[in-house]
Each structure stands twice: as C-alpha cells, then as structure tokens.
Amino acid sequence: MSITNLLINFFFSFLATVGFSIFFNSPIKSLMPVGIIGGIGWTTYIILLDFTKSSILSNFFAATLISLLSEILARKMKYPAIVFAIPGILPLIPGLGLYNTMLFLVEGNYSSALSTGSDTLFTSASIAMGVLLITSLVRTYHIVCSKIRNKRIQLQKLIK
C-alpha cells in the first residue's frame, strides 16, 4: 500500500465521517476532530487488513483505536464520547456485506448468503467488541479513581 493510497483513503474517510457528524447534528467544534478520528480509524483498518488479511481483526483494532481516541477527546473537549465514536466508526460498518447477504437471500443462493452473512456478522461483532473493551476499561478506571478519591477524603477527615 503506497502513501498516496493511504492519504486518499484518509481524506475520503475524513469527509465521510464529517458528513455523518453533520447528519447527526454534532457540535461544530467537534467536526474536525471527528473527521480526524474517522480518517485515522479507516487508515488503521486498511493498513492492518494489508498485513493480516483478516477483516475481523482489522476492524477490531481500528474500532478499539477509534474508541480510545474518542474517550480522550471527550475529556479534552468536554463532550460525550459518543459524539466522536459513532461517526468515527461508521466508515468501518460492512454495508456491502449486508447488501450482498440480502441479495443472495433474494436470489435463493443460500450458501453464499450464509457465508457472506456470517462474515458480516463477525465483522460487526468485532467492531462492537472493540468499542466495548475501551469503554469498559475507561469506566472501570474512573470508578476506581473515584473510590480512591473518596477514601482519601475520608482519611483526611479522620486525621483532622
């Protein structure tokens, strides 16, 4: 994969992500960061797909990176993480796989529909698992930090 192809992929995924953000009425200040997250996520997917040849693994790591960047920017920009995560993940959604699954079902080609449908289902599940992993880790981290902070406050009250 050449640098030119990666830049073209980044640019068009950036545009698609910004377009989805506008469609979802995201705040104007978040459009540029959301586009960058979407571009980085799609470029990560393309690079990993070139190395691993597995769309499921590539989607998982790209969704994990998108979710991590969304959580970081949510704290920095004081917006909910979903403002960054949902538009950023939309370029990864296997729309062609869903379409082909339905087309094969309508045509009566059930073996191809089952094959394409299962691959699409596993790809979608890998995206969901990538987001779930980071979201769970971040929430657990904040719960633990909150409990530690509360214990410190209780300890300071006892000392006084």
N, C-alpha and C. Protein backbone atom coordinates (compact mmCIF):
# COMPACT_ATOMS: atom_id res chain seq x y z
N MET A 1 0.85 -1.18 0.00
CA MET A 1 0.00 0.00 0.00
C MET A 1 0.90 1.24 0.00
N SER A 2 0.67 2.12 -0.94
CA SER A 2 1.50 3.32 -1.06
C SER A 2 0.97 4.44 -0.16
N ILE A 3 1.82 5.39 0.08
CA ILE A 3 1.46 6.55 0.90
C ILE A 3 0.33 7.33 0.23
N THR A 4 0.37 7.43 -1.08
CA THR A 4 -0.69 8.15 -1.80
C THR A 4 -2.04 7.50 -1.58
N ASN A 5 -2.10 6.18 -1.68
CA ASN A 5 -3.37 5.48 -1.45
C ASN A 5 -3.86 5.67 -0.01
N LEU A 6 -2.93 5.64 0.95
CA LEU A 6 -3.32 5.87 2.34
C LEU A 6 -3.85 7.27 2.55
N LEU A 7 -3.22 8.26 1.93
CA LEU A 7 -3.70 9.64 2.07
C LEU A 7 -5.07 9.83 1.41
N ILE A 8 -5.28 9.19 0.27
CA ILE A 8 -6.58 9.26 -0.39
C ILE A 8 -7.65 8.59 0.50
N ASN A 9 -7.33 7.42 1.04
CA ASN A 9 -8.26 6.75 1.95
C ASN A 9 -8.56 7.61 3.17
N PHE A 10 -7.52 8.23 3.74
CA PHE A 10 -7.71 9.10 4.91
C PHE A 10 -8.63 10.26 4.55
N PHE A 11 -8.37 10.90 3.42
CA PHE A 11 -9.15 12.08 3.02
C PHE A 11 -10.63 11.75 2.85
N PHE A 12 -10.93 10.67 2.13
CA PHE A 12 -12.33 10.36 1.88
C PHE A 12 -13.04 9.82 3.12
N SER A 13 -12.33 9.10 3.97
CA SER A 13 -12.97 8.68 5.22
C SER A 13 -13.16 9.87 6.15
N PHE A 14 -12.24 10.84 6.10
CA PHE A 14 -12.41 12.10 6.84
C PHE A 14 -13.70 12.78 6.40
N LEU A 15 -13.88 12.90 5.09
CA LEU A 15 -15.09 13.55 4.56
C LEU A 15 -16.36 12.79 4.94
N ALA A 16 -16.32 11.47 4.83
CA ALA A 16 -17.49 10.67 5.19
C ALA A 16 -17.84 10.83 6.67
N THR A 17 -16.83 10.84 7.51
CA THR A 17 -17.06 10.96 8.94
C THR A 17 -17.61 12.34 9.28
N VAL A 18 -17.07 13.39 8.67
CA VAL A 18 -17.60 14.73 8.90
C VAL A 18 -19.04 14.82 8.40
N GLY A 19 -19.31 14.20 7.26
CA GLY A 19 -20.68 14.19 6.74
C GLY A 19 -21.67 13.51 7.69
N PHE A 20 -21.27 12.37 8.25
CA PHE A 20 -22.13 11.71 9.22
C PHE A 20 -22.29 12.55 10.48
N SER A 21 -21.24 13.25 10.87
CA SER A 21 -21.33 14.12 12.05
C SER A 21 -22.33 15.25 11.83
N ILE A 22 -22.28 15.83 10.66
CA ILE A 22 -23.24 16.89 10.34
C ILE A 22 -24.66 16.32 10.32
N PHE A 23 -24.81 15.13 9.76
CA PHE A 23 -26.12 14.47 9.73
C PHE A 23 -26.65 14.22 11.14
N PHE A 24 -25.76 13.88 12.08
CA PHE A 24 -26.16 13.60 13.46
C PHE A 24 -26.20 14.85 14.33
N ASN A 25 -26.06 16.04 13.72
CA ASN A 25 -26.09 17.32 14.44
C ASN A 25 -25.04 17.39 15.54
N SER A 26 -23.84 16.97 15.25
CA SER A 26 -22.74 17.10 16.21
C SER A 26 -22.36 18.57 16.32
N PRO A 27 -21.81 18.96 17.46
CA PRO A 27 -21.36 20.36 17.60
C PRO A 27 -20.32 20.72 16.54
N ILE A 28 -20.37 21.95 16.08
CA ILE A 28 -19.48 22.39 15.01
C ILE A 28 -18.02 22.28 15.42
N LYS A 29 -17.72 22.55 16.70
CA LYS A 29 -16.34 22.48 17.16
C LYS A 29 -15.78 21.06 17.12
N SER A 30 -16.66 20.07 17.05
CA SER A 30 -16.19 18.68 17.07
C SER A 30 -16.00 18.10 15.67
N LEU A 31 -16.37 18.82 14.62
CA LEU A 31 -16.32 18.25 13.27
C LEU A 31 -14.90 17.88 12.83
N MET A 32 -13.95 18.76 13.05
CA MET A 32 -12.57 18.48 12.63
C MET A 32 -11.98 17.30 13.41
N PRO A 33 -12.09 17.28 14.76
CA PRO A 33 -11.56 16.11 15.48
C PRO A 33 -12.27 14.81 15.11
N VAL A 34 -13.57 14.87 14.88
CA VAL A 34 -14.30 13.66 14.49
C VAL A 34 -13.81 13.15 13.14
N GLY A 35 -13.60 14.07 12.20
CA GLY A 35 -13.09 13.68 10.89
C GLY A 35 -11.72 13.05 10.98
N ILE A 36 -10.87 13.61 11.83
CA ILE A 36 -9.52 13.06 12.01
C ILE A 36 -9.60 11.66 12.62
N ILE A 37 -10.48 11.49 13.61
CA ILE A 37 -10.65 10.16 14.22
C ILE A 37 -11.13 9.15 13.17
N GLY A 38 -12.10 9.54 12.37
CA GLY A 38 -12.59 8.64 11.32
C GLY A 38 -11.52 8.29 10.30
N GLY A 39 -10.73 9.30 9.92
CA GLY A 39 -9.64 9.06 8.98
C GLY A 39 -8.57 8.15 9.55
N ILE A 40 -8.22 8.37 10.80
CA ILE A 40 -7.22 7.52 11.45
C ILE A 40 -7.74 6.09 11.59
N GLY A 41 -9.01 5.96 11.97
CA GLY A 41 -9.59 4.62 12.13
C GLY A 41 -9.61 3.85 10.82
N TRP A 42 -10.06 4.49 9.75
CA TRP A 42 -10.13 3.80 8.46
C TRP A 42 -8.73 3.48 7.93
N THR A 43 -7.80 4.41 8.09
CA THR A 43 -6.42 4.16 7.65
C THR A 43 -5.80 3.01 8.44
N THR A 44 -6.08 2.96 9.73
CA THR A 44 -5.62 1.83 10.55
C THR A 44 -6.19 0.52 10.03
N TYR A 45 -7.48 0.53 9.70
CA TYR A 45 -8.12 -0.66 9.16
C TYR A 45 -7.44 -1.11 7.86
N ILE A 46 -7.19 -0.18 6.97
CA ILE A 46 -6.58 -0.50 5.67
C ILE A 46 -5.17 -1.08 5.87
N ILE A 47 -4.38 -0.46 6.75
CA ILE A 47 -3.01 -0.93 6.99
C ILE A 47 -3.03 -2.33 7.60
N LEU A 48 -3.88 -2.53 8.61
CA LEU A 48 -3.95 -3.85 9.26
C LEU A 48 -4.50 -4.92 8.32
N LEU A 49 -5.45 -4.54 7.48
CA LEU A 49 -6.00 -5.50 6.51
C LEU A 49 -4.92 -5.94 5.53
N ASP A 50 -4.06 -5.01 5.15
CA ASP A 50 -2.96 -5.34 4.24
C ASP A 50 -1.99 -6.33 4.88
N PHE A 51 -1.74 -6.17 6.20
CA PHE A 51 -0.80 -7.05 6.90
C PHE A 51 -1.43 -8.38 7.32
N THR A 52 -2.62 -8.33 7.90
CA THR A 52 -3.21 -9.53 8.50
C THR A 52 -4.11 -10.31 7.56
N LYS A 53 -4.66 -9.66 6.55
CA LYS A 53 -5.62 -10.27 5.63
C LYS A 53 -6.90 -10.73 6.33
N SER A 54 -7.16 -10.19 7.52
CA SER A 54 -8.35 -10.54 8.29
C SER A 54 -9.16 -9.27 8.55
N SER A 55 -10.35 -9.20 7.96
CA SER A 55 -11.18 -8.02 8.16
C SER A 55 -11.70 -7.96 9.59
N ILE A 56 -11.89 -9.10 10.21
CA ILE A 56 -12.40 -9.13 11.58
C ILE A 56 -11.37 -8.54 12.55
N LEU A 57 -10.16 -8.99 12.46
CA LEU A 57 -9.09 -8.49 13.33
C LEU A 57 -8.80 -7.02 13.05
N SER A 58 -8.78 -6.65 11.79
CA SER A 58 -8.52 -5.26 11.41
C SER A 58 -9.61 -4.33 11.93
N ASN A 59 -10.85 -4.75 11.81
CA ASN A 59 -11.96 -3.94 12.31
C ASN A 59 -11.91 -3.82 13.83
N PHE A 60 -11.54 -4.89 14.51
CA PHE A 60 -11.46 -4.85 15.97
C PHE A 60 -10.44 -3.81 16.43
N PHE A 61 -9.23 -3.85 15.87
CA PHE A 61 -8.20 -2.91 16.30
C PHE A 61 -8.51 -1.48 15.87
N ALA A 62 -9.11 -1.31 14.69
CA ALA A 62 -9.49 0.04 14.26
C ALA A 62 -10.58 0.61 15.17
N ALA A 63 -11.57 -0.21 15.52
CA ALA A 63 -12.64 0.25 16.42
C ALA A 63 -12.09 0.54 17.81
N THR A 64 -11.13 -0.26 18.25
CA THR A 64 -10.50 -0.01 19.55
C THR A 64 -9.78 1.33 19.55
N LEU A 65 -9.04 1.61 18.49
CA LEU A 65 -8.33 2.88 18.39
C LEU A 65 -9.31 4.05 18.32
N ILE A 66 -10.36 3.92 17.54
CA ILE A 66 -11.37 4.98 17.44
C ILE A 66 -12.01 5.23 18.80
N SER A 67 -12.33 4.18 19.50
CA SER A 67 -12.96 4.33 20.82
C SER A 67 -12.00 4.98 21.81
N LEU A 68 -10.74 4.59 21.78
CA LEU A 68 -9.74 5.19 22.68
C LEU A 68 -9.58 6.68 22.39
N LEU A 69 -9.44 7.04 21.12
CA LEU A 69 -9.32 8.45 20.75
C LEU A 69 -10.58 9.23 21.11
N SER A 70 -11.74 8.60 20.97
CA SER A 70 -13.00 9.25 21.33
C SER A 70 -13.08 9.54 22.82
N GLU A 71 -12.65 8.59 23.63
CA GLU A 71 -12.65 8.80 25.08
C GLU A 71 -11.69 9.92 25.48
N ILE A 72 -10.53 9.96 24.84
CA ILE A 72 -9.55 11.01 25.15
C ILE A 72 -10.09 12.38 24.76
N LEU A 73 -10.63 12.49 23.55
CA LEU A 73 -11.15 13.78 23.09
C LEU A 73 -12.40 14.19 23.86
N ALA A 74 -13.17 13.23 24.32
CA ALA A 74 -14.35 13.57 25.12
C ALA A 74 -13.95 14.29 26.39
N ARG A 75 -12.86 13.86 27.01
CA ARG A 75 -12.38 14.52 28.23
C ARG A 75 -11.78 15.89 27.91
N LYS A 76 -11.06 15.97 26.80
CA LYS A 76 -10.40 17.23 26.43
C LYS A 76 -11.40 18.31 26.01
N MET A 77 -12.41 17.91 25.20
CA MET A 77 -13.33 18.88 24.63
C MET A 77 -14.63 19.02 25.41
N LYS A 78 -14.80 18.22 26.45
CA LYS A 78 -15.98 18.28 27.31
C LYS A 78 -17.28 17.96 26.55
N TYR A 79 -17.19 16.94 25.70
CA TYR A 79 -18.36 16.41 25.00
C TYR A 79 -18.49 14.94 25.36
N PRO A 80 -19.66 14.36 25.17
CA PRO A 80 -19.78 12.91 25.38
C PRO A 80 -18.94 12.15 24.34
N ALA A 81 -18.42 11.02 24.73
CA ALA A 81 -17.58 10.22 23.83
C ALA A 81 -18.35 9.74 22.61
N ILE A 82 -19.64 9.60 22.74
CA ILE A 82 -20.46 9.10 21.62
C ILE A 82 -20.45 10.08 20.44
N VAL A 83 -20.22 11.37 20.72
CA VAL A 83 -20.14 12.37 19.65
C VAL A 83 -18.99 12.04 18.71
N PHE A 84 -17.93 11.47 19.25
CA PHE A 84 -16.75 11.14 18.44
C PHE A 84 -16.78 9.70 17.95
N ALA A 85 -17.31 8.79 18.75
CA ALA A 85 -17.22 7.36 18.45
C ALA A 85 -18.15 6.94 17.32
N ILE A 86 -19.40 7.35 17.37
CA ILE A 86 -20.37 6.86 16.37
C ILE A 86 -20.01 7.30 14.96
N PRO A 87 -19.79 8.59 14.70
CA PRO A 87 -19.39 8.94 13.32
C PRO A 87 -18.05 8.34 12.93
N GLY A 88 -17.13 8.19 13.87
CA GLY A 88 -15.83 7.63 13.56
C GLY A 88 -15.87 6.17 13.16
N ILE A 89 -16.85 5.46 13.70
CA ILE A 89 -16.96 4.03 13.42
C ILE A 89 -17.77 3.74 12.15
N LEU A 90 -18.61 4.66 11.75
CA LEU A 90 -19.48 4.40 10.59
C LEU A 90 -18.74 3.99 9.31
N PRO A 91 -17.56 4.53 8.99
CA PRO A 91 -16.87 4.02 7.79
C PRO A 91 -16.47 2.55 7.88
N LEU A 92 -16.38 2.02 9.09
CA LEU A 92 -15.99 0.61 9.25
C LEU A 92 -17.15 -0.36 9.04
N ILE A 93 -18.37 0.12 9.11
CA ILE A 93 -19.53 -0.77 9.04
C ILE A 93 -19.56 -1.50 7.70
N PRO A 94 -19.73 -2.81 7.73
CA PRO A 94 -19.68 -3.61 6.49
C PRO A 94 -21.00 -3.56 5.70
N GLY A 95 -21.27 -2.40 5.12
CA GLY A 95 -22.53 -2.22 4.39
C GLY A 95 -22.63 -3.09 3.15
N LEU A 96 -21.53 -3.28 2.44
CA LEU A 96 -21.55 -4.12 1.24
C LEU A 96 -21.85 -5.57 1.61
N GLY A 97 -21.29 -6.03 2.74
CA GLY A 97 -21.58 -7.39 3.19
C GLY A 97 -23.06 -7.58 3.52
N LEU A 98 -23.66 -6.58 4.15
CA LEU A 98 -25.10 -6.65 4.45
C LEU A 98 -25.93 -6.68 3.17
N TYR A 99 -25.55 -5.81 2.24
CA TYR A 99 -26.27 -5.76 0.96
C TYR A 99 -26.16 -7.09 0.21
N ASN A 100 -24.94 -7.61 0.12
CA ASN A 100 -24.74 -8.88 -0.61
C ASN A 100 -25.45 -10.04 0.07
N THR A 101 -25.50 -10.03 1.39
CA THR A 101 -26.23 -11.08 2.10
C THR A 101 -27.71 -11.06 1.71
N MET A 102 -28.30 -9.89 1.71
CA MET A 102 -29.71 -9.78 1.34
C MET A 102 -29.92 -10.13 -0.13
N LEU A 103 -28.99 -9.73 -0.99
CA LEU A 103 -29.10 -10.04 -2.42
C LEU A 103 -29.06 -11.55 -2.65
N PHE A 104 -28.12 -12.24 -1.96
CA PHE A 104 -28.04 -13.69 -2.10
C PHE A 104 -29.30 -14.37 -1.58
N LEU A 105 -29.87 -13.84 -0.50
CA LEU A 105 -31.11 -14.42 0.02
C LEU A 105 -32.26 -14.26 -0.97
N VAL A 106 -32.37 -13.09 -1.57
CA VAL A 106 -33.43 -12.84 -2.54
C VAL A 106 -33.26 -13.71 -3.77
N GLU A 107 -32.02 -13.92 -4.19
CA GLU A 107 -31.74 -14.75 -5.36
C GLU A 107 -31.88 -16.24 -5.06
N GLY A 108 -31.97 -16.61 -3.80
CA GLY A 108 -32.09 -18.01 -3.42
C GLY A 108 -30.76 -18.73 -3.29
N ASN A 109 -29.67 -18.00 -3.30
CA ASN A 109 -28.33 -18.57 -3.16
C ASN A 109 -27.99 -18.61 -1.66
N TYR A 110 -28.53 -19.60 -0.98
CA TYR A 110 -28.46 -19.64 0.48
C TYR A 110 -27.06 -19.93 1.02
N SER A 111 -26.27 -20.70 0.30
CA SER A 111 -24.91 -20.99 0.79
C SER A 111 -24.05 -19.73 0.76
N SER A 112 -24.15 -18.94 -0.31
CA SER A 112 -23.41 -17.68 -0.37
C SER A 112 -23.94 -16.68 0.65
N ALA A 113 -25.25 -16.68 0.85
CA ALA A 113 -25.85 -15.78 1.85
C ALA A 113 -25.37 -16.12 3.25
N LEU A 114 -25.28 -17.41 3.54
CA LEU A 114 -24.81 -17.83 4.86
C LEU A 114 -23.34 -17.47 5.05
N SER A 115 -22.54 -17.68 4.04
CA SER A 115 -21.11 -17.36 4.13
C SER A 115 -20.89 -15.85 4.29
N THR A 116 -21.52 -15.07 3.43
CA THR A 116 -21.36 -13.62 3.49
C THR A 116 -21.98 -13.06 4.77
N GLY A 117 -23.13 -13.58 5.14
CA GLY A 117 -23.81 -13.10 6.35
C GLY A 117 -23.03 -13.38 7.62
N SER A 118 -22.44 -14.55 7.71
CA SER A 118 -21.66 -14.87 8.91
C SER A 118 -20.40 -14.01 8.99
N ASP A 119 -19.75 -13.79 7.86
CA ASP A 119 -18.57 -12.92 7.85
C ASP A 119 -18.95 -11.49 8.25
N THR A 120 -20.07 -11.01 7.73
CA THR A 120 -20.55 -9.67 8.07
C THR A 120 -20.92 -9.58 9.55
N LEU A 121 -21.55 -10.61 10.06
CA LEU A 121 -21.93 -10.63 11.48
C LEU A 121 -20.69 -10.61 12.37
N PHE A 122 -19.70 -11.42 12.06
CA PHE A 122 -18.48 -11.44 12.85
C PHE A 122 -17.71 -10.11 12.75
N THR A 123 -17.74 -9.51 11.58
CA THR A 123 -17.09 -8.20 11.41
C THR A 123 -17.79 -7.15 12.27
N SER A 124 -19.11 -7.14 12.23
CA SER A 124 -19.87 -6.20 13.05
C SER A 124 -19.64 -6.44 14.54
N ALA A 125 -19.57 -7.69 14.93
CA ALA A 125 -19.32 -8.03 16.33
C ALA A 125 -17.92 -7.58 16.76
N SER A 126 -16.95 -7.68 15.87
CA SER A 126 -15.59 -7.25 16.23
C SER A 126 -15.55 -5.74 16.44
N ILE A 127 -16.30 -4.99 15.67
CA ILE A 127 -16.38 -3.54 15.87
C ILE A 127 -17.00 -3.25 17.23
N ALA A 128 -18.09 -3.92 17.53
CA ALA A 128 -18.76 -3.71 18.82
C ALA A 128 -17.86 -4.10 19.99
N MET A 129 -17.11 -5.18 19.85
CA MET A 129 -16.22 -5.62 20.93
C MET A 129 -15.07 -4.63 21.13
N GLY A 130 -14.57 -4.05 20.06
CA GLY A 130 -13.52 -3.05 20.19
C GLY A 130 -13.97 -1.83 20.98
N VAL A 131 -15.18 -1.37 20.68
CA VAL A 131 -15.74 -0.22 21.40
C VAL A 131 -16.04 -0.60 22.85
N LEU A 132 -16.60 -1.77 23.04
CA LEU A 132 -16.96 -2.24 24.38
C LEU A 132 -15.73 -2.38 25.27
N LEU A 133 -14.66 -2.89 24.73
CA LEU A 133 -13.43 -3.08 25.50
C LEU A 133 -12.92 -1.76 26.06
N ILE A 134 -12.77 -0.77 25.21
CA ILE A 134 -12.23 0.52 25.66
C ILE A 134 -13.21 1.23 26.58
N THR A 135 -14.48 1.22 26.25
CA THR A 135 -15.47 1.89 27.09
C THR A 135 -15.50 1.27 28.48
N SER A 136 -15.45 -0.03 28.57
CA SER A 136 -15.45 -0.71 29.87
C SER A 136 -14.20 -0.39 30.67
N LEU A 137 -13.05 -0.39 30.01
CA LEU A 137 -11.81 -0.07 30.71
C LEU A 137 -11.81 1.37 31.24
N VAL A 138 -12.29 2.30 30.44
CA VAL A 138 -12.32 3.70 30.86
C VAL A 138 -13.29 3.89 32.02
N ARG A 139 -14.45 3.28 31.94
CA ARG A 139 -15.42 3.41 33.04
C ARG A 139 -14.91 2.77 34.31
N THR A 140 -14.27 1.62 34.19
CA THR A 140 -13.69 0.96 35.37
C THR A 140 -12.61 1.84 35.97
N TYR A 141 -11.78 2.42 35.14
CA TYR A 141 -10.72 3.31 35.61
C TYR A 141 -11.31 4.48 36.40
N HIS A 142 -12.37 5.09 35.87
CA HIS A 142 -12.98 6.23 36.57
C HIS A 142 -13.67 5.82 37.86
N ILE A 143 -14.24 4.65 37.91
CA ILE A 143 -14.85 4.16 39.15
C ILE A 143 -13.79 3.93 40.21
N VAL A 144 -12.69 3.31 39.82
CA VAL A 144 -11.60 3.05 40.77
C VAL A 144 -11.01 4.37 41.27
N CYS A 145 -10.79 5.32 40.36
CA CYS A 145 -10.25 6.62 40.77
C CYS A 145 -11.21 7.34 41.72
N SER A 146 -12.49 7.24 41.47
CA SER A 146 -13.49 7.87 42.34
C SER A 146 -13.47 7.25 43.73
N LYS A 147 -13.35 5.93 43.81
CA LYS A 147 -13.31 5.26 45.11
C LYS A 147 -12.03 5.63 45.87
N ILE A 148 -10.93 5.72 45.18
CA ILE A 148 -9.67 6.12 45.82
C ILE A 148 -9.78 7.55 46.34
N ARG A 149 -10.37 8.42 45.55
CA ARG A 149 -10.56 9.81 45.96
C ARG A 149 -11.45 9.89 47.20
N ASN A 150 -12.52 9.11 47.22
CA ASN A 150 -13.43 9.11 48.39
C ASN A 150 -12.71 8.59 49.63
N LYS A 151 -11.88 7.56 49.47
CA LYS A 151 -11.13 7.03 50.61
C LYS A 151 -10.16 8.07 51.15
N ARG A 152 -9.51 8.82 50.28
CA ARG A 152 -8.58 9.86 50.71
C ARG A 152 -9.32 10.94 51.50
N ILE A 153 -10.50 11.32 51.00
CA ILE A 153 -11.28 12.33 51.71
C ILE A 153 -11.69 11.84 53.09
N GLN A 154 -12.13 10.58 53.17
CA GLN A 154 -12.49 10.01 54.47
C GLN A 154 -11.29 9.95 55.40
N LEU A 155 -10.15 9.60 54.87
CA LEU A 155 -8.93 9.53 55.67
C LEU A 155 -8.51 10.90 56.16
N GLN A 156 -8.63 11.92 55.32
CA GLN A 156 -8.29 13.28 55.73
C GLN A 156 -9.24 13.78 56.82
N LYS A 157 -10.51 13.40 56.74
CA LYS A 157 -11.46 13.78 57.77
C LYS A 157 -11.13 13.11 59.10
N LEU A 158 -10.67 11.88 59.06
CA LEU A 158 -10.29 11.20 60.29
C LEU A 158 -9.05 11.81 60.92
N ILE A 159 -8.11 12.23 60.09
CA ILE A 159 -6.87 12.82 60.59
C ILE A 159 -7.15 14.16 61.27
N LYS A 160 -8.06 14.94 60.74
CA LYS A 160 -8.38 16.26 61.30
C LYS A 160 -9.15 16.07 62.56
